[in-house]
Amino acid sequence: MEKMPGRDRGKEHTDSDQVRYGGLRQMVKAASLFFGLGFFLAANVGICIWLGWKFDEYFGTAPKGILTGIFLGFPVAILSLWKKMSGKN
């Protein structure tokens, strides 16, 4: 068995371990990325809807603020996601 440097000192890993668990590691990494992006989108839209709701409470314009928050929240979330993914943060 060949030891892999720098990882899990004292434990031995074989090439078959890398083959067996390499795909699982990639899947978990991709899933965590997509869950994080989904949470990021939901948070942006949620904040816009909350601001619209507070606008409605303050000015008494019942559905208009929430609807505006919904319709403005999605483009803001997509634009923020685009900036985050392209590295222009």
PDB file of N, CA and C in Angstrom:
ATOM      1  N   MET A   1       0.843  -1.195   0.000  1.00  0.00           N
ATOM      2  CA  MET A   1       0.000   0.000   0.000  1.00  0.00           C
ATOM      3  C   MET A   1       0.873   1.238   0.000  1.00  0.00           C
ATOM      4  N   GLU A   2       0.472   2.185  -0.787  1.00  0.00           N
ATOM      5  CA  GLU A   2       1.241   3.412  -0.926  1.00  0.00           C
ATOM      6  C   GLU A   2       0.603   4.506  -0.084  1.00  0.00           C
ATOM      7  N   LYS A   3       1.396   5.174   0.717  1.00  0.00           N
ATOM      8  CA  LYS A   3       0.873   6.271   1.531  1.00  0.00           C
ATOM      9  C   LYS A   3       0.746   7.517   0.676  1.00  0.00           C
ATOM     10  N   MET A   4      -0.316   8.256   0.900  1.00  0.00           N
ATOM     11  CA  MET A   4      -0.516   9.510   0.194  1.00  0.00           C
ATOM     12  C   MET A   4      -0.029  10.630   1.093  1.00  0.00           C
ATOM     13  N   PRO A   5       0.869  11.463   0.617  1.00  0.00           N
ATOM     14  CA  PRO A   5       1.445  12.505   1.470  1.00  0.00           C
ATOM     15  C   PRO A   5       0.443  13.571   1.857  1.00  0.00           C
ATOM     16  N   GLY A   6       0.520  14.007   3.120  1.00  0.00           N
ATOM     17  CA  GLY A   6      -0.256  15.146   3.580  1.00  0.00           C
ATOM     18  C   GLY A   6      -1.695  14.890   3.957  1.00  0.00           C
ATOM     19  N   ARG A   7      -2.220  13.723   3.728  1.00  0.00           N
ATOM     20  CA  ARG A   7      -3.625  13.463   4.042  1.00  0.00           C
ATOM     21  C   ARG A   7      -3.726  12.331   5.045  1.00  0.00           C
ATOM     22  N   ASP A   8      -4.518  12.518   6.047  1.00  0.00           N
ATOM     23  CA  ASP A   8      -4.797  11.472   7.036  1.00  0.00           C
ATOM     24  C   ASP A   8      -3.518  10.768   7.478  1.00  0.00           C
ATOM     25  N   ARG A   9      -2.696  11.491   8.143  1.00  0.00           N
ATOM     26  CA  ARG A   9      -1.420  10.934   8.584  1.00  0.00           C
ATOM     27  C   ARG A   9      -1.658   9.684   9.429  1.00  0.00           C
ATOM     28  N   GLY A  10      -0.914   8.685   9.145  1.00  0.00           N
ATOM     29  CA  GLY A  10      -1.039   7.438   9.881  1.00  0.00           C
ATOM     30  C   GLY A  10      -1.968   6.438   9.223  1.00  0.00           C
ATOM     31  N   LYS A  11      -2.795   6.878   8.307  1.00  0.00           N
ATOM     32  CA  LYS A  11      -3.686   5.971   7.584  1.00  0.00           C
ATOM     33  C   LYS A  11      -3.104   5.727   6.201  1.00  0.00           C
ATOM     34  N   GLU A  12      -3.317   4.555   5.721  1.00  0.00           N
ATOM     35  CA  GLU A  12      -2.800   4.235   4.402  1.00  0.00           C
ATOM     36  C   GLU A  12      -3.948   4.203   3.407  1.00  0.00           C
ATOM     37  N   HIS A  13      -3.682   4.752   2.241  1.00  0.00           N
ATOM     38  CA  HIS A  13      -4.678   4.789   1.176  1.00  0.00           C
ATOM     39  C   HIS A  13      -4.125   4.075  -0.041  1.00  0.00           C
ATOM     40  N   THR A  14      -4.983   3.460  -0.747  1.00  0.00           N
ATOM     41  CA  THR A  14      -4.563   2.818  -1.982  1.00  0.00           C
ATOM     42  C   THR A  14      -5.179   3.561  -3.148  1.00  0.00           C
ATOM     43  N   ASP A  15      -4.725   3.218  -4.336  1.00  0.00           N
ATOM     44  CA  ASP A  15      -5.291   3.834  -5.528  1.00  0.00           C
ATOM     45  C   ASP A  15      -6.757   3.467  -5.702  1.00  0.00           C
ATOM     46  N   SER A  16      -7.149   2.290  -5.225  1.00  0.00           N
ATOM     47  CA  SER A  16      -8.553   1.891  -5.351  1.00  0.00           C
ATOM     48  C   SER A  16      -9.455   2.758  -4.480  1.00  0.00           C
ATOM     49  N   ASP A  17      -8.925   3.271  -3.346  1.00  0.00           N
ATOM     50  CA  ASP A  17      -9.706   4.195  -2.524  1.00  0.00           C
ATOM     51  C   ASP A  17      -9.993   5.482  -3.291  1.00  0.00           C
ATOM     52  N   GLN A  18      -9.003   5.961  -4.023  1.00  0.00           N
ATOM     53  CA  GLN A  18      -9.194   7.176  -4.810  1.00  0.00           C
ATOM     54  C   GLN A  18     -10.233   6.952  -5.893  1.00  0.00           C
ATOM     55  N   VAL A  19     -10.196   5.807  -6.532  1.00  0.00           N
ATOM     56  CA  VAL A  19     -11.164   5.498  -7.587  1.00  0.00           C
ATOM     57  C   VAL A  19     -12.546   5.334  -6.991  1.00  0.00           C
ATOM     58  N   ARG A  20     -12.624   4.659  -5.851  1.00  0.00           N
ATOM     59  CA  ARG A  20     -13.915   4.365  -5.237  1.00  0.00           C
ATOM     60  C   ARG A  20     -14.596   5.624  -4.696  1.00  0.00           C
ATOM     61  N   TYR A  21     -13.848   6.503  -4.041  1.00  0.00           N
ATOM     62  CA  TYR A  21     -14.446   7.645  -3.380  1.00  0.00           C
ATOM     63  C   TYR A  21     -14.256   8.957  -4.134  1.00  0.00           C
ATOM     64  N   GLY A  22     -13.520   8.957  -5.214  1.00  0.00           N
ATOM     65  CA  GLY A  22     -13.294  10.189  -5.972  1.00  0.00           C
ATOM     66  C   GLY A  22     -14.581  10.756  -6.537  1.00  0.00           C
ATOM     67  N   GLY A  23     -15.431   9.895  -7.092  1.00  0.00           N
ATOM     68  CA  GLY A  23     -16.708  10.340  -7.640  1.00  0.00           C
ATOM     69  C   GLY A  23     -17.647  10.861  -6.570  1.00  0.00           C
ATOM     70  N   LEU A  24     -17.633  10.212  -5.423  1.00  0.00           N
ATOM     71  CA  LEU A  24     -18.476  10.648  -4.311  1.00  0.00           C
ATOM     72  C   LEU A  24     -18.043  12.021  -3.818  1.00  0.00           C
ATOM     73  N   ARG A  25     -16.744  12.224  -3.719  1.00  0.00           N
ATOM     74  CA  ARG A  25     -16.242  13.534  -3.291  1.00  0.00           C
ATOM     75  C   ARG A  25     -16.644  14.628  -4.267  1.00  0.00           C
ATOM     76  N   GLN A  26     -16.539  14.336  -5.546  1.00  0.00           N
ATOM     77  CA  GLN A  26     -16.938  15.321  -6.556  1.00  0.00           C
ATOM     78  C   GLN A  26     -18.427  15.620  -6.468  1.00  0.00           C
ATOM     79  N   MET A  27     -19.235  14.594  -6.244  1.00  0.00           N
ATOM     80  CA  MET A  27     -20.675  14.784  -6.146  1.00  0.00           C
ATOM     81  C   MET A  27     -21.036  15.637  -4.925  1.00  0.00           C
ATOM     82  N   VAL A  28     -20.403  15.368  -3.797  1.00  0.00           N
ATOM     83  CA  VAL A  28     -20.676  16.139  -2.582  1.00  0.00           C
ATOM     84  C   VAL A  28     -20.236  17.588  -2.769  1.00  0.00           C
ATOM     85  N   LYS A  29     -19.106  17.791  -3.408  1.00  0.00           N
ATOM     86  CA  LYS A  29     -18.607  19.143  -3.667  1.00  0.00           C
ATOM     87  C   LYS A  29     -19.565  19.910  -4.583  1.00  0.00           C
ATOM     88  N   ALA A  30     -20.039  19.258  -5.637  1.00  0.00           N
ATOM     89  CA  ALA A  30     -20.980  19.906  -6.557  1.00  0.00           C
ATOM     90  C   ALA A  30     -22.314  20.185  -5.871  1.00  0.00           C
ATOM     91  N   ALA A  31     -22.796  19.238  -5.064  1.00  0.00           N
ATOM     92  CA  ALA A  31     -24.061  19.435  -4.365  1.00  0.00           C
ATOM     93  C   ALA A  31     -23.969  20.598  -3.385  1.00  0.00           C
ATOM     94  N   SER A  32     -22.858  20.713  -2.683  1.00  0.00           N
ATOM     95  CA  SER A  32     -22.718  21.823  -1.738  1.00  0.00           C
ATOM     96  C   SER A  32     -22.659  23.153  -2.470  1.00  0.00           C
ATOM     97  N   LEU A  33     -22.033  23.180  -3.643  1.00  0.00           N
ATOM     98  CA  LEU A  33     -22.002  24.404  -4.441  1.00  0.00           C
ATOM     99  C   LEU A  33     -23.405  24.806  -4.869  1.00  0.00           C
ATOM    100  N   PHE A  34     -24.187  23.848  -5.382  1.00  0.00           N
ATOM    101  CA  PHE A  34     -25.530  24.173  -5.859  1.00  0.00           C
ATOM    102  C   PHE A  34     -26.486  24.511  -4.719  1.00  0.00           C
ATOM    103  N   PHE A  35     -26.357  23.851  -3.574  1.00  0.00           N
ATOM    104  CA  PHE A  35     -27.194  24.208  -2.426  1.00  0.00           C
ATOM    105  C   PHE A  35     -26.866  25.619  -1.949  1.00  0.00           C
ATOM    106  N   GLY A  36     -25.591  25.959  -1.957  1.00  0.00           N
ATOM    107  CA  GLY A  36     -25.185  27.308  -1.572  1.00  0.00           C
ATOM    108  C   GLY A  36     -25.728  28.361  -2.522  1.00  0.00           C
ATOM    109  N   LEU A  37     -25.699  28.075  -3.821  1.00  0.00           N
ATOM    110  CA  LEU A  37     -26.235  29.021  -4.799  1.00  0.00           C
ATOM    111  C   LEU A  37     -27.747  29.148  -4.662  1.00  0.00           C
ATOM    112  N   GLY A  38     -28.421  28.040  -4.401  1.00  0.00           N
ATOM    113  CA  GLY A  38     -29.865  28.091  -4.199  1.00  0.00           C
ATOM    114  C   GLY A  38     -30.241  28.918  -2.982  1.00  0.00           C
ATOM    115  N   PHE A  39     -29.479  28.739  -1.908  1.00  0.00           N
ATOM    116  CA  PHE A  39     -29.727  29.533  -0.706  1.00  0.00           C
ATOM    117  C   PHE A  39     -29.470  31.010  -0.980  1.00  0.00           C
ATOM    118  N   PHE A  40     -28.419  31.307  -1.746  1.00  0.00           N
ATOM    119  CA  PHE A  40     -28.087  32.683  -2.112  1.00  0.00           C
ATOM    120  C   PHE A  40     -29.233  33.327  -2.895  1.00  0.00           C
ATOM    121  N   LEU A  41     -29.798  32.605  -3.861  1.00  0.00           N
ATOM    122  CA  LEU A  41     -30.930  33.127  -4.643  1.00  0.00           C
ATOM    123  C   LEU A  41     -32.154  33.343  -3.762  1.00  0.00           C
ATOM    124  N   ALA A  42     -32.457  32.356  -2.930  1.00  0.00           N
ATOM    125  CA  ALA A  42     -33.630  32.459  -2.057  1.00  0.00           C
ATOM    126  C   ALA A  42     -33.494  33.617  -1.081  1.00  0.00           C
ATOM    127  N   ALA A  43     -32.295  33.832  -0.568  1.00  0.00           N
ATOM    128  CA  ALA A  43     -32.082  34.939   0.369  1.00  0.00           C
ATOM    129  C   ALA A  43     -32.275  36.284  -0.316  1.00  0.00           C
ATOM    130  N   ASN A  44     -31.765  36.432  -1.524  1.00  0.00           N
ATOM    131  CA  ASN A  44     -31.937  37.691  -2.252  1.00  0.00           C
ATOM    132  C   ASN A  44     -33.401  37.982  -2.551  1.00  0.00           C
ATOM    133  N   VAL A  45     -34.114  36.990  -3.040  1.00  0.00           N
ATOM    134  CA  VAL A  45     -35.538  37.180  -3.336  1.00  0.00           C
ATOM    135  C   VAL A  45     -36.309  37.423  -2.044  1.00  0.00           C
ATOM    136  N   GLY A  46     -35.981  36.682  -1.002  1.00  0.00           N
ATOM    137  CA  GLY A  46     -36.660  36.859   0.283  1.00  0.00           C
ATOM    138  C   GLY A  46     -36.481  38.254   0.851  1.00  0.00           C
ATOM    139  N   ILE A  47     -35.298  38.804   0.729  1.00  0.00           N
ATOM    140  CA  ILE A  47     -35.054  40.162   1.227  1.00  0.00           C
ATOM    141  C   ILE A  47     -35.879  41.173   0.447  1.00  0.00           C
ATOM    142  N   CYS A  48     -35.947  41.016  -0.873  1.00  0.00           N
ATOM    143  CA  CYS A  48     -36.755  41.947  -1.684  1.00  0.00           C
ATOM    144  C   CYS A  48     -38.238  41.846  -1.348  1.00  0.00           C
ATOM    145  N   ILE A  49     -38.717  40.639  -1.132  1.00  0.00           N
ATOM    146  CA  ILE A  49     -40.129  40.465  -0.754  1.00  0.00           C
ATOM    147  C   ILE A  49     -40.382  41.072   0.628  1.00  0.00           C
ATOM    148  N   TRP A  50     -39.456  40.863   1.560  1.00  0.00           N
ATOM    149  CA  TRP A  50     -39.609  41.433   2.899  1.00  0.00           C
ATOM    150  C   TRP A  50     -39.634  42.957   2.840  1.00  0.00           C
ATOM    151  N   LEU A  51     -38.754  43.544   2.021  1.00  0.00           N
ATOM    152  CA  LEU A  51     -38.766  45.006   1.874  1.00  0.00           C
ATOM    153  C   LEU A  51     -40.086  45.492   1.277  1.00  0.00           C
ATOM    154  N   GLY A  52     -40.606  44.756   0.312  1.00  0.00           N
ATOM    155  CA  GLY A  52     -41.917  45.110  -0.253  1.00  0.00           C
ATOM    156  C   GLY A  52     -43.032  45.011   0.771  1.00  0.00           C
ATOM    157  N   TRP A  53     -42.957  44.013   1.633  1.00  0.00           N
ATOM    158  CA  TRP A  53     -43.961  43.838   2.681  1.00  0.00           C
ATOM    159  C   TRP A  53     -43.897  45.006   3.668  1.00  0.00           C
ATOM    160  N   LYS A  54     -42.671  45.394   4.058  1.00  0.00           N
ATOM    161  CA  LYS A  54     -42.518  46.528   4.972  1.00  0.00           C
ATOM    162  C   LYS A  54     -43.004  47.826   4.317  1.00  0.00           C
ATOM    163  N   PHE A  55     -42.763  47.975   3.022  1.00  0.00           N
ATOM    164  CA  PHE A  55     -43.269  49.133   2.285  1.00  0.00           C
ATOM    165  C   PHE A  55     -44.796  49.161   2.336  1.00  0.00           C
ATOM    166  N   ASP A  56     -45.421  48.001   2.138  1.00  0.00           N
ATOM    167  CA  ASP A  56     -46.882  47.902   2.213  1.00  0.00           C
ATOM    168  C   ASP A  56     -47.397  48.254   3.607  1.00  0.00           C
ATOM    169  N   GLU A  57     -46.727  47.783   4.637  1.00  0.00           N
ATOM    170  CA  GLU A  57     -47.149  48.097   6.002  1.00  0.00           C
ATOM    171  C   GLU A  57     -47.075  49.590   6.278  1.00  0.00           C
ATOM    172  N   TYR A  58     -46.014  50.221   5.824  1.00  0.00           N
ATOM    173  CA  TYR A  58     -45.800  51.632   6.117  1.00  0.00           C
ATOM    174  C   TYR A  58     -46.745  52.532   5.327  1.00  0.00           C
ATOM    175  N   PHE A  59     -46.925  52.245   4.038  1.00  0.00           N
ATOM    176  CA  PHE A  59     -47.737  53.119   3.183  1.00  0.00           C
ATOM    177  C   PHE A  59     -49.154  52.617   2.958  1.00  0.00           C
ATOM    178  N   GLY A  60     -49.478  51.401   3.376  1.00  0.00           N
ATOM    179  CA  GLY A  60     -50.826  50.873   3.236  1.00  0.00           C
ATOM    180  C   GLY A  60     -51.200  50.522   1.801  1.00  0.00           C
ATOM    181  N   THR A  61     -50.258  50.083   1.025  1.00  0.00           N
ATOM    182  CA  THR A  61     -50.518  49.708  -0.370  1.00  0.00           C
ATOM    183  C   THR A  61     -50.447  48.190  -0.497  1.00  0.00           C
ATOM    184  N   ALA A  62     -51.445  47.530   0.072  1.00  0.00           N
ATOM    185  CA  ALA A  62     -51.436  46.085   0.337  1.00  0.00           C
ATOM    186  C   ALA A  62     -50.657  45.190  -0.637  1.00  0.00           C
ATOM    187  N   PRO A  63     -51.103  44.849  -1.801  1.00  0.00           N
ATOM    188  CA  PRO A  63     -50.307  43.851  -2.541  1.00  0.00           C
ATOM    189  C   PRO A  63     -49.210  44.437  -3.427  1.00  0.00           C
ATOM    190  N   LYS A  64     -49.209  45.745  -3.616  1.00  0.00           N
ATOM    191  CA  LYS A  64     -48.300  46.339  -4.599  1.00  0.00           C
ATOM    192  C   LYS A  64     -46.830  46.223  -4.205  1.00  0.00           C
ATOM    193  N   GLY A  65     -46.512  46.404  -2.954  1.00  0.00           N
ATOM    194  CA  GLY A  65     -45.129  46.327  -2.507  1.00  0.00           C
ATOM    195  C   GLY A  65     -44.568  44.914  -2.580  1.00  0.00           C
ATOM    196  N   ILE A  66     -45.387  43.948  -2.168  1.00  0.00           N
ATOM    197  CA  ILE A  66     -44.931  42.555  -2.220  1.00  0.00           C
ATOM    198  C   ILE A  66     -44.742  42.113  -3.662  1.00  0.00           C
ATOM    199  N   LEU A  67     -45.684  42.470  -4.531  1.00  0.00           N
ATOM    200  CA  LEU A  67     -45.542  42.107  -5.943  1.00  0.00           C
ATOM    201  C   LEU A  67     -44.315  42.766  -6.570  1.00  0.00           C
ATOM    202  N   THR A  68     -44.082  44.019  -6.211  1.00  0.00           N
ATOM    203  CA  THR A  68     -42.883  44.702  -6.706  1.00  0.00           C
ATOM    204  C   THR A  68     -41.631  44.013  -6.179  1.00  0.00           C
ATOM    205  N   GLY A  69     -41.658  43.600  -4.921  1.00  0.00           N
ATOM    206  CA  GLY A  69     -40.531  42.869  -4.351  1.00  0.00           C
ATOM    207  C   GLY A  69     -40.271  41.562  -5.068  1.00  0.00           C
ATOM    208  N   ILE A  70     -41.332  40.870  -5.456  1.00  0.00           N
ATOM    209  CA  ILE A  70     -41.178  39.612  -6.196  1.00  0.00           C
ATOM    210  C   ILE A  70     -40.577  39.878  -7.568  1.00  0.00           C
ATOM    211  N   PHE A  71     -41.157  40.855  -8.294  1.00  0.00           N
ATOM    212  CA  PHE A  71     -40.708  41.108  -9.666  1.00  0.00           C
ATOM    213  C   PHE A  71     -39.335  41.768  -9.730  1.00  0.00           C
ATOM    214  N   LEU A  72     -38.947  42.489  -8.696  1.00  0.00           N
ATOM    215  CA  LEU A  72     -37.604  43.048  -8.658  1.00  0.00           C
ATOM    216  C   LEU A  72     -36.606  42.083  -8.016  1.00  0.00           C
ATOM    217  N   GLY A  73     -37.096  41.198  -7.168  1.00  0.00           N
ATOM    218  CA  GLY A  73     -36.218  40.278  -6.453  1.00  0.00           C
ATOM    219  C   GLY A  73     -35.535  39.269  -7.352  1.00  0.00           C
ATOM    220  N   PHE A  74     -36.258  38.741  -8.313  1.00  0.00           N
ATOM    221  CA  PHE A  74     -35.660  37.742  -9.186  1.00  0.00           C
ATOM    222  C   PHE A  74     -34.548  38.316 -10.064  1.00  0.00           C
ATOM    223  N   PRO A  75     -34.757  39.442 -10.746  1.00  0.00           N
ATOM    224  CA  PRO A  75     -33.624  39.992 -11.516  1.00  0.00           C
ATOM    225  C   PRO A  75     -32.437  40.395 -10.640  1.00  0.00           C
ATOM    226  N   VAL A  76     -32.706  40.934  -9.460  1.00  0.00           N
ATOM    227  CA  VAL A  76     -31.610  41.292  -8.550  1.00  0.00           C
ATOM    228  C   VAL A  76     -30.849  40.034  -8.139  1.00  0.00           C
ATOM    229  N   ALA A  77     -31.573  38.962  -7.854  1.00  0.00           N
ATOM    230  CA  ALA A  77     -30.929  37.707  -7.455  1.00  0.00           C
ATOM    231  C   ALA A  77     -30.105  37.125  -8.606  1.00  0.00           C
ATOM    232  N   ILE A  78     -30.644  37.155  -9.809  1.00  0.00           N
ATOM    233  CA  ILE A  78     -29.920  36.624 -10.963  1.00  0.00           C
ATOM    234  C   ILE A  78     -28.671  37.462 -11.236  1.00  0.00           C
ATOM    235  N   LEU A  79     -28.793  38.781 -11.153  1.00  0.00           N
ATOM    236  CA  LEU A  79     -27.644  39.657 -11.366  1.00  0.00           C
ATOM    237  C   LEU A  79     -26.579  39.428 -10.291  1.00  0.00           C
ATOM    238  N   SER A  80     -26.995  39.290  -9.056  1.00  0.00           N
ATOM    239  CA  SER A  80     -26.045  39.028  -7.967  1.00  0.00           C
ATOM    240  C   SER A  80     -25.363  37.679  -8.156  1.00  0.00           C
ATOM    241  N   LEU A  81     -26.133  36.691  -8.582  1.00  0.00           N
ATOM    242  CA  LEU A  81     -25.567  35.374  -8.829  1.00  0.00           C
ATOM    243  C   LEU A  81     -24.572  35.432  -9.990  1.00  0.00           C
ATOM    244  N   TRP A  82     -24.906  36.169 -11.028  1.00  0.00           N
ATOM    245  CA  TRP A  82     -24.013  36.316 -12.178  1.00  0.00           C
ATOM    246  C   TRP A  82     -22.680  36.945 -11.746  1.00  0.00           C
ATOM    247  N   LYS A  83     -22.767  37.993 -10.933  1.00  0.00           N
ATOM    248  CA  LYS A  83     -21.554  38.641 -10.444  1.00  0.00           C
ATOM    249  C   LYS A  83     -20.735  37.719  -9.559  1.00  0.00           C
ATOM    250  N   LYS A  84     -21.426  36.956  -8.729  1.00  0.00           N
ATOM    251  CA  LYS A  84     -20.729  36.049  -7.822  1.00  0.00           C
ATOM    252  C   LYS A  84     -20.029  34.939  -8.609  1.00  0.00           C
ATOM    253  N   MET A  85     -20.700  34.395  -9.615  1.00  0.00           N
ATOM    254  CA  MET A  85     -20.127  33.290 -10.395  1.00  0.00           C
ATOM    255  C   MET A  85     -19.005  33.763 -11.304  1.00  0.00           C
ATOM    256  N   SER A  86     -19.091  34.987 -11.810  1.00  0.00           N
ATOM    257  CA  SER A  86     -18.059  35.473 -12.720  1.00  0.00           C
ATOM    258  C   SER A  86     -16.860  36.055 -11.983  1.00  0.00           C
ATOM    259  N   GLY A  87     -16.962  36.192 -10.677  1.00  0.00           N
ATOM    260  CA  GLY A  87     -15.848  36.686  -9.881  1.00  0.00           C
ATOM    261  C   GLY A  87     -15.734  38.190  -9.846  1.00  0.00           C
ATOM    262  N   LYS A  88     -16.769  38.909 -10.216  1.00  0.00           N
ATOM    263  CA  LYS A  88     -16.760  40.372 -10.207  1.00  0.00           C
ATOM    264  C   LYS A  88     -17.387  40.912  -8.935  1.00  0.00           C
ATOM    265  N   ASN A  89     -17.175  40.252  -7.855  1.00  0.00           N
ATOM    266  CA  ASN A  89     -17.807  40.615  -6.594  1.00  0.00           C
ATOM    267  C   ASN A  89     -17.176  41.778  -5.954  1.00  0.00           C
TER     268      ASN A  89
END
